[in-house]
PDB file of N, CA and C in Angstrom:
ATOM      1  N   MET A   1     211.848 -22.660 256.453  1.00  0.00           N
ATOM      2  CA  MET A   1     211.000 -21.901 255.937  1.00  0.00           C
ATOM      3  C   MET A   1     211.389 -21.510 254.508  1.00  0.00           C
ATOM      4  N   GLN A   2     212.548 -21.236 254.219  1.00  0.00           N
ATOM      5  CA  GLN A   2     213.001 -20.872 252.733  1.00  0.00           C
ATOM      6  C   GLN A   2     212.490 -22.016 251.872  1.00  0.00           C
ATOM      7  N   THR A   3     212.654 -23.243 252.191  1.00  0.00           N
ATOM      8  CA  THR A   3     212.483 -24.498 251.359  1.00  0.00           C
ATOM      9  C   THR A   3     210.980 -24.511 251.099  1.00  0.00           C
ATOM     10  N   ALA A   4     210.144 -24.375 252.125  1.00  0.00           N
ATOM     11  CA  ALA A   4     208.725 -24.386 252.007  1.00  0.00           C
ATOM     12  C   ALA A   4     208.128 -23.507 251.092  1.00  0.00           C
ATOM     13  N   ILE A   5     208.708 -22.038 251.146  1.00  0.00           N
ATOM     14  CA  ILE A   5     208.377 -21.038 250.384  1.00  0.00           C
ATOM     15  C   ILE A   5     208.553 -21.423 248.823  1.00  0.00           C
ATOM     16  N   ALA A   6     210.018 -21.912 248.633  1.00  0.00           N
ATOM     17  CA  ALA A   6     210.323 -22.307 247.262  1.00  0.00           C
ATOM     18  C   ALA A   6     209.746 -23.306 246.598  1.00  0.00           C
ATOM     19  N   PHE A   7     209.236 -24.518 247.493  1.00  0.00           N
ATOM     20  CA  PHE A   7     208.489 -25.420 246.991  1.00  0.00           C
ATOM     21  C   PHE A   7     207.012 -25.072 246.537  1.00  0.00           C
ATOM     22  N   ILE A   8     206.573 -24.144 247.304  1.00  0.00           N
ATOM     23  CA  ILE A   8     205.119 -23.439 246.928  1.00  0.00           C
ATOM     24  C   ILE A   8     205.082 -22.853 245.746  1.00  0.00           C
ATOM     25  N   LEU A   9     206.201 -21.777 245.670  1.00  0.00           N
ATOM     26  CA  LEU A   9     206.337 -21.018 244.542  1.00  0.00           C
ATOM     27  C   LEU A   9     206.624 -21.771 243.296  1.00  0.00           C
ATOM     28  N   ALA A  10     207.467 -22.746 243.417  1.00  0.00           N
ATOM     29  CA  ALA A  10     207.708 -23.526 242.200  1.00  0.00           C
ATOM     30  C   ALA A  10     206.601 -24.358 241.860  1.00  0.00           C
ATOM     31  N   ALA A  11     205.756 -24.866 242.664  1.00  0.00           N
ATOM     32  CA  ALA A  11     204.535 -25.640 242.427  1.00  0.00           C
ATOM     33  C   ALA A  11     203.640 -24.820 241.477  1.00  0.00           C
ATOM     34  N   LEU A  12     203.286 -23.715 242.015  1.00  0.00           N
ATOM     35  CA  LEU A  12     202.192 -22.662 241.500  1.00  0.00           C
ATOM     36  C   LEU A  12     202.707 -22.417 240.219  1.00  0.00           C
ATOM     37  N   ALA A  13     204.060 -21.978 240.136  1.00  0.00           N
ATOM     38  CA  ALA A  13     204.722 -21.628 238.698  1.00  0.00           C
ATOM     39  C   ALA A  13     204.637 -22.761 237.698  1.00  0.00           C
ATOM     40  N   GLU A  14     204.961 -23.987 238.136  1.00  0.00           N
ATOM     41  CA  GLU A  14     205.095 -25.096 237.213  1.00  0.00           C
ATOM     42  C   GLU A  14     203.603 -25.558 236.682  1.00  0.00           C
ATOM     43  N   ILE A  15     202.860 -25.498 237.665  1.00  0.00           N
ATOM     44  CA  ILE A  15     201.407 -26.029 237.352  1.00  0.00           C
ATOM     45  C   ILE A  15     200.760 -24.759 236.369  1.00  0.00           C
ATOM     46  N   ALA A  16     200.975 -23.583 236.689  1.00  0.00           N
ATOM     47  CA  ALA A  16     200.430 -22.460 235.823  1.00  0.00           C
ATOM     48  C   ALA A  16     201.172 -22.538 234.360  1.00  0.00           C
ATOM     49  N   GLY A  17     202.321 -22.744 234.560  1.00  0.00           N
ATOM     50  CA  GLY A  17     203.026 -22.933 233.186  1.00  0.00           C
ATOM     51  C   GLY A  17     202.604 -24.072 232.313  1.00  0.00           C
ATOM     52  N   CYS A  18     202.489 -25.073 232.827  1.00  0.00           N
ATOM     53  CA  CYS A  18     202.133 -26.249 232.166  1.00  0.00           C
ATOM     54  C   CYS A  18     200.550 -26.116 231.686  1.00  0.00           C
ATOM     55  N   PHE A  19     199.645 -25.429 232.638  1.00  0.00           N
ATOM     56  CA  PHE A  19     198.389 -25.307 232.337  1.00  0.00           C
ATOM     57  C   PHE A  19     198.332 -24.328 230.966  1.00  0.00           C
ATOM     58  N   ALA A  20     199.015 -23.505 230.837  1.00  0.00           N
ATOM     59  CA  ALA A  20     199.101 -22.571 229.729  1.00  0.00           C
ATOM     60  C   ALA A  20     199.325 -23.250 228.432  1.00  0.00           C
ATOM     61  N   PHE A  21     200.128 -24.226 228.538  1.00  0.00           N
ATOM     62  CA  PHE A  21     200.312 -25.084 227.209  1.00  0.00           C
ATOM     63  C   PHE A  21     199.242 -26.039 226.956  1.00  0.00           C
ATOM     64  N   TRP A  22     198.493 -26.603 228.250  1.00  0.00           N
ATOM     65  CA  TRP A  22     197.466 -27.423 228.011  1.00  0.00           C
ATOM     66  C   TRP A  22     196.260 -26.466 227.533  1.00  0.00           C
ATOM     67  N   ALA A  23     196.318 -25.170 227.871  1.00  0.00           N
ATOM     68  CA  ALA A  23     195.011 -24.395 227.453  1.00  0.00           C
ATOM     69  C   ALA A  23     195.201 -24.170 225.846  1.00  0.00           C
ATOM     70  N   TRP A  24     196.604 -23.748 225.519  1.00  0.00           N
ATOM     71  CA  TRP A  24     196.728 -23.618 224.095  1.00  0.00           C
ATOM     72  C   TRP A  24     196.528 -24.874 223.163  1.00  0.00           C
ATOM     73  N   ILE A  25     196.947 -26.041 223.526  1.00  0.00           N
ATOM     74  CA  ILE A  25     196.755 -27.251 222.802  1.00  0.00           C
ATOM     75  C   ILE A  25     195.479 -27.974 223.124  1.00  0.00           C
ATOM     76  N   ARG A  26     195.004 -28.111 224.296  1.00  0.00           N
ATOM     77  CA  ARG A  26     193.815 -29.038 224.446  1.00  0.00           C
ATOM     78  C   ARG A  26     192.565 -28.294 224.516  1.00  0.00           C
ATOM     79  N   LEU A  27     192.688 -26.897 225.027  1.00  0.00           N
ATOM     80  CA  LEU A  27     191.537 -26.021 225.134  1.00  0.00           C
ATOM     81  C   LEU A  27     191.289 -24.943 223.894  1.00  0.00           C
ATOM     82  N   ASP A  28     192.248 -25.174 222.951  1.00  0.00           N
ATOM     83  CA  ASP A  28     192.109 -24.442 221.814  1.00  0.00           C
ATOM     84  C   ASP A  28     192.114 -22.931 222.042  1.00  0.00           C
ATOM     85  N   GLN A  29     192.983 -22.468 222.928  1.00  0.00           N
ATOM     86  CA  GLN A  29     193.204 -20.955 223.190  1.00  0.00           C
ATOM     87  C   GLN A  29     194.416 -20.559 222.470  1.00  0.00           C
ATOM     88  N   SER A  30     194.392 -19.265 222.517  1.00  0.00           N
ATOM     89  CA  SER A  30     195.509 -18.447 221.712  1.00  0.00           C
ATOM     90  C   SER A  30     196.859 -18.886 222.008  1.00  0.00           C
ATOM     91  N   ALA A  31     197.810 -18.877 221.051  1.00  0.00           N
ATOM     92  CA  ALA A  31     199.192 -19.164 221.374  1.00  0.00           C
ATOM     93  C   ALA A  31     199.762 -18.186 222.401  1.00  0.00           C
ATOM     94  N   LEU A  32     199.181 -17.082 222.453  1.00  0.00           N
ATOM     95  CA  LEU A  32     199.802 -15.981 223.369  1.00  0.00           C
ATOM     96  C   LEU A  32     199.638 -16.487 224.739  1.00  0.00           C
ATOM     97  N   TRP A  33     198.987 -17.585 225.093  1.00  0.00           N
ATOM     98  CA  TRP A  33     199.013 -18.322 226.419  1.00  0.00           C
ATOM     99  C   TRP A  33     200.365 -18.793 226.705  1.00  0.00           C
ATOM    100  N   LEU A  34     201.269 -18.937 225.544  1.00  0.00           N
ATOM    101  CA  LEU A  34     202.508 -19.549 225.934  1.00  0.00           C
ATOM    102  C   LEU A  34     203.574 -18.478 226.388  1.00  0.00           C
ATOM    103  N   VAL A  35     203.258 -17.273 226.313  1.00  0.00           N
ATOM    104  CA  VAL A  35     204.127 -16.107 226.959  1.00  0.00           C
ATOM    105  C   VAL A  35     204.105 -16.354 228.530  1.00  0.00           C
ATOM    106  N   PRO A  36     202.979 -16.122 229.032  1.00  0.00           N
ATOM    107  CA  PRO A  36     202.996 -16.312 230.601  1.00  0.00           C
ATOM    108  C   PRO A  36     203.279 -17.652 230.892  1.00  0.00           C
ATOM    109  N   GLY A  37     203.183 -18.635 230.076  1.00  0.00           N
ATOM    110  CA  GLY A  37     203.388 -20.067 230.389  1.00  0.00           C
ATOM    111  C   GLY A  37     204.816 -20.288 230.508  1.00  0.00           C
ATOM    112  N   ALA A  38     205.545 -19.814 229.399  1.00  0.00           N
ATOM    113  CA  ALA A  38     207.007 -19.904 229.608  1.00  0.00           C
ATOM    114  C   ALA A  38     207.642 -19.122 230.736  1.00  0.00           C
ATOM    115  N   ALA A  39     207.059 -17.937 231.022  1.00  0.00           N
ATOM    116  CA  ALA A  39     207.659 -17.146 232.105  1.00  0.00           C
ATOM    117  C   ALA A  39     207.381 -17.860 233.484  1.00  0.00           C
ATOM    118  N   SER A  40     206.124 -18.577 233.636  1.00  0.00           N
ATOM    119  CA  SER A  40     205.895 -19.481 234.810  1.00  0.00           C
ATOM    120  C   SER A  40     206.909 -20.428 234.952  1.00  0.00           C
ATOM    121  N   LEU A  41     207.193 -21.079 233.716  1.00  0.00           N
ATOM    122  CA  LEU A  41     208.153 -22.217 233.900  1.00  0.00           C
ATOM    123  C   LEU A  41     209.504 -21.710 234.280  1.00  0.00           C
ATOM    124  N   PHE A  42     209.919 -20.640 233.814  1.00  0.00           N
ATOM    125  CA  PHE A  42     211.363 -19.978 234.323  1.00  0.00           C
ATOM    126  C   PHE A  42     211.184 -19.634 235.683  1.00  0.00           C
ATOM    127  N   ILE A  43     210.230 -19.188 236.194  1.00  0.00           N
ATOM    128  CA  ILE A  43     210.063 -19.018 237.658  1.00  0.00           C
ATOM    129  C   ILE A  43     210.118 -20.217 238.480  1.00  0.00           C
ATOM    130  N   PHE A  44     209.525 -21.417 237.882  1.00  0.00           N
ATOM    131  CA  PHE A  44     209.480 -22.686 238.725  1.00  0.00           C
ATOM    132  C   PHE A  44     210.971 -23.134 238.779  1.00  0.00           C
ATOM    133  N   ALA A  45     211.791 -23.195 237.497  1.00  0.00           N
ATOM    134  CA  ALA A  45     213.005 -23.557 237.706  1.00  0.00           C
ATOM    135  C   ALA A  45     213.993 -22.662 238.722  1.00  0.00           C
ATOM    136  N   TYR A  46     213.793 -21.462 238.523  1.00  0.00           N
ATOM    137  CA  TYR A  46     214.469 -20.573 239.382  1.00  0.00           C
ATOM    138  C   TYR A  46     214.296 -20.642 240.835  1.00  0.00           C
ATOM    139  N   ALA A  47     212.832 -20.850 241.336  1.00  0.00           N
ATOM    140  CA  ALA A  47     212.358 -21.074 242.676  1.00  0.00           C
ATOM    141  C   ALA A  47     213.072 -22.432 243.304  1.00  0.00           C
ATOM    142  N   LEU A  48     213.232 -23.426 242.435  1.00  0.00           N
ATOM    143  CA  LEU A  48     213.765 -24.536 242.942  1.00  0.00           C
ATOM    144  C   LEU A  48     215.197 -24.580 243.391  1.00  0.00           C
ATOM    145  N   THR A  49     215.961 -23.386 242.998  1.00  0.00           N
ATOM    146  CA  THR A  49     217.466 -23.258 243.278  1.00  0.00           C
ATOM    147  C   THR A  49     217.488 -22.688 244.744  1.00  0.00           C
ATOM    148  N   PHE A  50     216.366 -22.440 245.368  1.00  0.00           N
ATOM    149  CA  PHE A  50     216.366 -21.917 246.845  1.00  0.00           C
ATOM    150  C   PHE A  50     216.032 -23.037 247.600  1.00  0.00           C
ATOM    151  N   VAL A  51     215.843 -24.166 247.243  1.00  0.00           N
ATOM    152  CA  VAL A  51     215.591 -25.305 248.275  1.00  0.00           C
ATOM    153  C   VAL A  51     216.811 -25.741 249.003  1.00  0.00           C
ATOM    154  N   GLU A  52     216.748 -25.735 250.372  1.00  0.00           N
ATOM    155  CA  GLU A  52     217.953 -26.157 251.076  1.00  0.00           C
ATOM    156  C   GLU A  52     217.978 -27.701 250.993  1.00  0.00           C
ATOM    157  N   ALA A  53     218.864 -28.103 250.003  1.00  0.00           N
ATOM    158  CA  ALA A  53     219.238 -29.555 249.832  1.00  0.00           C
ATOM    159  C   ALA A  53     220.695 -29.581 249.427  1.00  0.00           C
ATOM    160  N   ASP A  54     221.457 -30.643 249.775  1.00  0.00           N
ATOM    161  CA  ASP A  54     222.621 -30.895 249.509  1.00  0.00           C
ATOM    162  C   ASP A  54     222.967 -31.143 248.081  1.00  0.00           C
ATOM    163  N   ALA A  55     221.901 -31.639 247.253  1.00  0.00           N
ATOM    164  CA  ALA A  55     222.115 -31.900 245.671  1.00  0.00           C
ATOM    165  C   ALA A  55     220.856 -31.674 245.129  1.00  0.00           C
ATOM    166  N   ALA A  56     220.856 -31.173 243.901  1.00  0.00           N
ATOM    167  CA  ALA A  56     219.800 -30.854 243.003  1.00  0.00           C
ATOM    168  C   ALA A  56     218.813 -31.882 242.892  1.00  0.00           C
ATOM    169  N   GLY A  57     219.296 -33.080 242.578  1.00  0.00           N
ATOM    170  CA  GLY A  57     218.483 -34.347 242.532  1.00  0.00           C
ATOM    171  C   GLY A  57     217.437 -34.675 243.688  1.00  0.00           C
ATOM    172  N   ARG A  58     218.212 -34.330 244.837  1.00  0.00           N
ATOM    173  CA  ARG A  58     217.298 -34.669 246.096  1.00  0.00           C
ATOM    174  C   ARG A  58     216.247 -33.502 246.076  1.00  0.00           C
ATOM    175  N   ALA A  59     216.640 -32.211 245.982  1.00  0.00           N
ATOM    176  CA  ALA A  59     215.504 -31.138 245.882  1.00  0.00           C
ATOM    177  C   ALA A  59     214.449 -31.489 244.786  1.00  0.00           C
ATOM    178  N   TYR A  60     214.663 -31.959 243.532  1.00  0.00           N
ATOM    179  CA  TYR A  60     213.661 -32.208 242.749  1.00  0.00           C
ATOM    180  C   TYR A  60     212.742 -33.518 243.056  1.00  0.00           C
ATOM    181  N   ALA A  61     213.609 -34.333 243.651  1.00  0.00           N
ATOM    182  CA  ALA A  61     212.704 -35.540 243.955  1.00  0.00           C
ATOM    183  C   ALA A  61     211.688 -35.136 245.104  1.00  0.00           C
ATOM    184  N   ALA A  62     212.195 -34.445 246.117  1.00  0.00           N
ATOM    185  CA  ALA A  62     211.403 -34.149 247.211  1.00  0.00           C
ATOM    186  C   ALA A  62     210.140 -33.233 246.648  1.00  0.00           C
ATOM    187  N   TYR A  63     210.641 -32.317 245.800  1.00  0.00           N
ATOM    188  CA  TYR A  63     209.672 -31.445 245.221  1.00  0.00           C
ATOM    189  C   TYR A  63     208.507 -32.063 244.455  1.00  0.00           C
ATOM    190  N   GLY A  64     208.852 -33.447 243.922  1.00  0.00           N
ATOM    191  CA  GLY A  64     207.760 -34.235 243.248  1.00  0.00           C
ATOM    192  C   GLY A  64     206.420 -34.379 244.264  1.00  0.00           C
ATOM    193  N   GLY A  65     206.612 -34.669 245.479  1.00  0.00           N
ATOM    194  CA  GLY A  65     205.623 -34.822 246.387  1.00  0.00           C
ATOM    195  C   GLY A  65     204.690 -33.543 246.546  1.00  0.00           C
ATOM    196  N   ILE A  66     205.463 -32.459 246.579  1.00  0.00           N
ATOM    197  CA  ILE A  66     204.891 -31.288 246.844  1.00  0.00           C
ATOM    198  C   ILE A  66     203.949 -30.984 245.526  1.00  0.00           C
ATOM    199  N   TYR A  67     204.611 -31.091 244.304  1.00  0.00           N
ATOM    200  CA  TYR A  67     203.915 -30.934 242.970  1.00  0.00           C
ATOM    201  C   TYR A  67     202.604 -31.709 243.157  1.00  0.00           C
ATOM    202  N   ILE A  68     202.620 -33.121 243.606  1.00  0.00           N
ATOM    203  CA  ILE A  68     201.384 -33.625 243.259  1.00  0.00           C
ATOM    204  C   ILE A  68     200.172 -33.126 244.228  1.00  0.00           C
ATOM    205  N   GLY A  69     200.711 -32.841 245.528  1.00  0.00           N
ATOM    206  CA  GLY A  69     199.724 -32.229 246.302  1.00  0.00           C
ATOM    207  C   GLY A  69     199.212 -30.889 245.809  1.00  0.00           C
ATOM    208  N   ALA A  70     200.047 -30.059 245.172  1.00  0.00           N
ATOM    209  CA  ALA A  70     199.742 -28.820 244.683  1.00  0.00           C
ATOM    210  C   ALA A  70     198.769 -28.948 243.234  1.00  0.00           C
ATOM    211  N   SER A  71     199.111 -30.137 242.490  1.00  0.00           N
ATOM    212  CA  SER A  71     198.320 -30.415 241.357  1.00  0.00           C
ATOM    213  C   SER A  71     196.882 -30.809 241.848  1.00  0.00           C
ATOM    214  N   LEU A  72     196.687 -31.580 242.740  1.00  0.00           N
ATOM    215  CA  LEU A  72     195.312 -31.791 243.315  1.00  0.00           C
ATOM    216  C   LEU A  72     194.468 -30.469 243.692  1.00  0.00           C
ATOM    217  N   LEU A  73     195.215 -29.752 244.380  1.00  0.00           N
ATOM    218  CA  LEU A  73     194.605 -28.329 244.801  1.00  0.00           C
ATOM    219  C   LEU A  73     194.239 -27.631 243.623  1.00  0.00           C
ATOM    220  N   TRP A  74     194.962 -27.473 242.664  1.00  0.00           N
ATOM    221  CA  TRP A  74     194.630 -26.876 241.295  1.00  0.00           C
ATOM    222  C   TRP A  74     193.344 -27.636 240.582  1.00  0.00           C
ATOM    223  N   LEU A  75     193.492 -28.970 240.679  1.00  0.00           N
ATOM    224  CA  LEU A  75     192.189 -29.677 240.246  1.00  0.00           C
ATOM    225  C   LEU A  75     190.998 -29.163 240.669  1.00  0.00           C
ATOM    226  N   TRP A  76     191.044 -29.044 242.200  1.00  0.00           N
ATOM    227  CA  TRP A  76     189.969 -28.643 242.798  1.00  0.00           C
ATOM    228  C   TRP A  76     189.511 -27.130 242.696  1.00  0.00           C
ATOM    229  N   VAL A  77     190.539 -26.124 242.877  1.00  0.00           N
ATOM    230  CA  VAL A  77     190.370 -24.727 242.963  1.00  0.00           C
ATOM    231  C   VAL A  77     190.019 -24.189 241.470  1.00  0.00           C
ATOM    232  N   VAL A  78     191.068 -24.548 240.680  1.00  0.00           N
ATOM    233  CA  VAL A  78     190.885 -23.987 239.274  1.00  0.00           C
ATOM    234  C   VAL A  78     189.892 -24.877 238.240  1.00  0.00           C
ATOM    235  N   GLU A  79     190.026 -26.240 238.429  1.00  0.00           N
ATOM    236  CA  GLU A  79     189.139 -27.019 237.323  1.00  0.00           C
ATOM    237  C   GLU A  79     187.932 -27.383 237.967  1.00  0.00           C
ATOM    238  N   GLY A  80     187.678 -27.127 239.404  1.00  0.00           N
ATOM    239  CA  GLY A  80     186.349 -27.500 239.633  1.00  0.00           C
ATOM    240  C   GLY A  80     185.959 -28.859 240.042  1.00  0.00           C
ATOM    241  N   LEU A  81     187.087 -29.812 240.228  1.00  0.00           N
ATOM    242  CA  LEU A  81     186.841 -31.089 240.371  1.00  0.00           C
ATOM    243  C   LEU A  81     187.465 -31.486 241.769  1.00  0.00           C
ATOM    244  N   ARG A  82     186.618 -31.976 242.633  1.00  0.00           N
ATOM    245  CA  ARG A  82     187.120 -32.343 243.967  1.00  0.00           C
ATOM    246  C   ARG A  82     187.885 -33.694 243.989  1.00  0.00           C
ATOM    247  N   PRO A  83     189.231 -33.664 244.469  1.00  0.00           N
ATOM    248  CA  PRO A  83     189.993 -34.899 244.680  1.00  0.00           C
ATOM    249  C   PRO A  83     189.247 -35.943 245.368  1.00  0.00           C
ATOM    250  N   ASP A  84     189.316 -37.206 244.990  1.00  0.00           N
ATOM    251  CA  ASP A  84     188.618 -38.486 245.596  1.00  0.00           C
ATOM    252  C   ASP A  84     189.520 -38.793 246.686  1.00  0.00           C
ATOM    253  N   ARG A  85     189.123 -39.945 247.372  1.00  0.00           N
ATOM    254  CA  ARG A  85     189.964 -40.371 248.377  1.00  0.00           C
ATOM    255  C   ARG A  85     191.293 -41.123 247.846  1.00  0.00           C
ATOM    256  N   TRP A  86     191.226 -41.517 246.711  1.00  0.00           N
ATOM    257  CA  TRP A  86     192.395 -42.101 246.085  1.00  0.00           C
ATOM    258  C   TRP A  86     193.380 -40.938 245.657  1.00  0.00           C
ATOM    259  N   ASP A  87     192.892 -40.015 245.174  1.00  0.00           N
ATOM    260  CA  ASP A  87     193.667 -38.998 244.828  1.00  0.00           C
ATOM    261  C   ASP A  87     194.450 -38.609 246.252  1.00  0.00           C
ATOM    262  N   LEU A  88     193.911 -38.357 247.312  1.00  0.00           N
ATOM    263  CA  LEU A  88     194.293 -37.703 248.643  1.00  0.00           C
ATOM    264  C   LEU A  88     195.298 -38.996 248.956  1.00  0.00           C
ATOM    265  N   THR A  89     194.941 -40.084 249.252  1.00  0.00           N
ATOM    266  CA  THR A  89     195.778 -41.211 249.734  1.00  0.00           C
ATOM    267  C   THR A  89     197.223 -41.143 248.870  1.00  0.00           C
ATOM    268  N   GLY A  90     196.983 -41.267 247.569  1.00  0.00           N
ATOM    269  CA  GLY A  90     198.279 -41.150 246.804  1.00  0.00           C
ATOM    270  C   GLY A  90     199.256 -39.772 247.016  1.00  0.00           C
ATOM    271  N   ALA A  91     198.500 -38.741 247.335  1.00  0.00           N
ATOM    272  CA  ALA A  91     199.223 -37.422 247.535  1.00  0.00           C
ATOM    273  C   ALA A  91     199.973 -37.555 248.990  1.00  0.00           C
ATOM    274  N   LEU A  92     199.176 -38.255 249.837  1.00  0.00           N
ATOM    275  CA  LEU A  92     199.809 -38.312 251.387  1.00  0.00           C
ATOM    276  C   LEU A  92     201.079 -39.374 251.134  1.00  0.00           C
ATOM    277  N   VAL A  93     200.965 -40.519 250.402  1.00  0.00           N
ATOM    278  CA  VAL A  93     202.069 -41.322 250.231  1.00  0.00           C
ATOM    279  C   VAL A  93     203.292 -40.541 249.678  1.00  0.00           C
ATOM    280  N   CYS A  94     202.912 -39.750 248.629  1.00  0.00           N
ATOM    281  CA  CYS A  94     203.954 -39.083 247.848  1.00  0.00           C
ATOM    282  C   CYS A  94     204.714 -38.020 248.981  1.00  0.00           C
ATOM    283  N   LEU A  95     203.848 -37.289 249.614  1.00  0.00           N
ATOM    284  CA  LEU A  95     204.324 -36.267 250.642  1.00  0.00           C
ATOM    285  C   LEU A  95     205.470 -37.096 251.724  1.00  0.00           C
ATOM    286  N   LEU A  96     204.740 -38.289 252.072  1.00  0.00           N
ATOM    287  CA  LEU A  96     205.722 -38.860 253.062  1.00  0.00           C
ATOM    288  C   LEU A  96     207.007 -39.148 252.415  1.00  0.00           C
ATOM    289  N   GLY A  97     207.087 -39.724 251.290  1.00  0.00           N
ATOM    290  CA  GLY A  97     208.234 -39.948 250.507  1.00  0.00           C
ATOM    291  C   GLY A  97     209.137 -38.616 250.301  1.00  0.00           C
ATOM    292  N   ALA A  98     208.463 -37.686 250.006  1.00  0.00           N
ATOM    293  CA  ALA A  98     209.338 -36.387 249.779  1.00  0.00           C
ATOM    294  C   ALA A  98     209.873 -35.947 251.295  1.00  0.00           C
ATOM    295  N   ALA A  99     209.220 -36.123 252.234  1.00  0.00           N
ATOM    296  CA  ALA A  99     209.710 -35.753 253.596  1.00  0.00           C
ATOM    297  C   ALA A  99     210.923 -36.601 254.029  1.00  0.00           C
ATOM    298  N   ILE A 100     210.845 -38.041 253.644  1.00  0.00           N
ATOM    299  CA  ILE A 100     211.943 -38.774 253.905  1.00  0.00           C
ATOM    300  C   ILE A 100     213.127 -38.505 253.137  1.00  0.00           C
ATOM    301  N   ILE A 101     212.919 -38.138 251.733  1.00  0.00           N
ATOM    302  CA  ILE A 101     214.097 -37.590 250.905  1.00  0.00           C
ATOM    303  C   ILE A 101     214.757 -36.423 251.560  1.00  0.00           C
ATOM    304  N   LEU A 102     213.898 -35.602 251.949  1.00  0.00           N
ATOM    305  CA  LEU A 102     214.470 -34.244 252.163  1.00  0.00           C
ATOM    306  C   LEU A 102     215.095 -34.203 253.535  1.00  0.00           C
ATOM    307  N   LEU A 103     214.476 -34.798 254.625  1.00  0.00           N
ATOM    308  CA  LEU A 103     214.650 -34.571 255.831  1.00  0.00           C
ATOM    309  C   LEU A 103     215.456 -35.790 256.603  1.00  0.00           C
ATOM    310  N   ALA A 104     215.891 -36.811 255.783  1.00  0.00           N
ATOM    311  CA  ALA A 104     216.593 -38.031 256.310  1.00  0.00           C
ATOM    312  C   ALA A 104     218.002 -37.350 256.829  1.00  0.00           C
ATOM    313  N   PRO A 105     218.212 -38.025 257.924  1.00  0.00           N
ATOM    314  CA  PRO A 105     219.800 -37.808 258.471  1.00  0.00           C
ATOM    315  C   PRO A 105     220.815 -38.339 257.563  1.00  0.00           C
ATOM    316  N   ARG A 106     221.663 -37.625 257.056  1.00  0.00           N
ATOM    317  CA  ARG A 106     222.800 -38.105 256.261  1.00  0.00           C
ATOM    318  C   ARG A 106     223.967 -37.559 256.770  1.00  0.00           C
ATOM    319  N   PRO A 107     225.243 -38.404 256.531  1.00  0.00           N
ATOM    320  CA  PRO A 107     226.499 -37.990 257.254  1.00  0.00           C
ATOM    321  C   PRO A 107     227.079 -36.848 256.359  1.00  0.00           C
ATOM    322  N   ALA A 108     227.618 -35.949 256.924  1.00  0.00           N
ATOM    323  CA  ALA A 108     228.149 -34.700 256.414  1.00  0.00           C
ATOM    324  C   ALA A 108     229.301 -34.900 255.532  1.00  0.00           C
TER     325      ALA A 108
END
């Protein structure tokens, strides 16, 4: 449960932080967007430290699948563009890969 919450928080924080930079550069918004953007990216990095994994690299690799799914949700909810079947198929493949990385039985 702790890992799921950490992944969800990390995904929301990373996407929000990156979107703040996108808004500043691509949408010509104020540089003040960088303040909450930087704070969000700090929260993202901190949240990943709560993932139950034996190595940081595995936690980050598994998070990649979660990030892709959350990005497509952001695309739909925030940007108003519905993901197509290729988006969803790709996200499912990535989530399967993330599950394999995180849940595979490994010797202690």
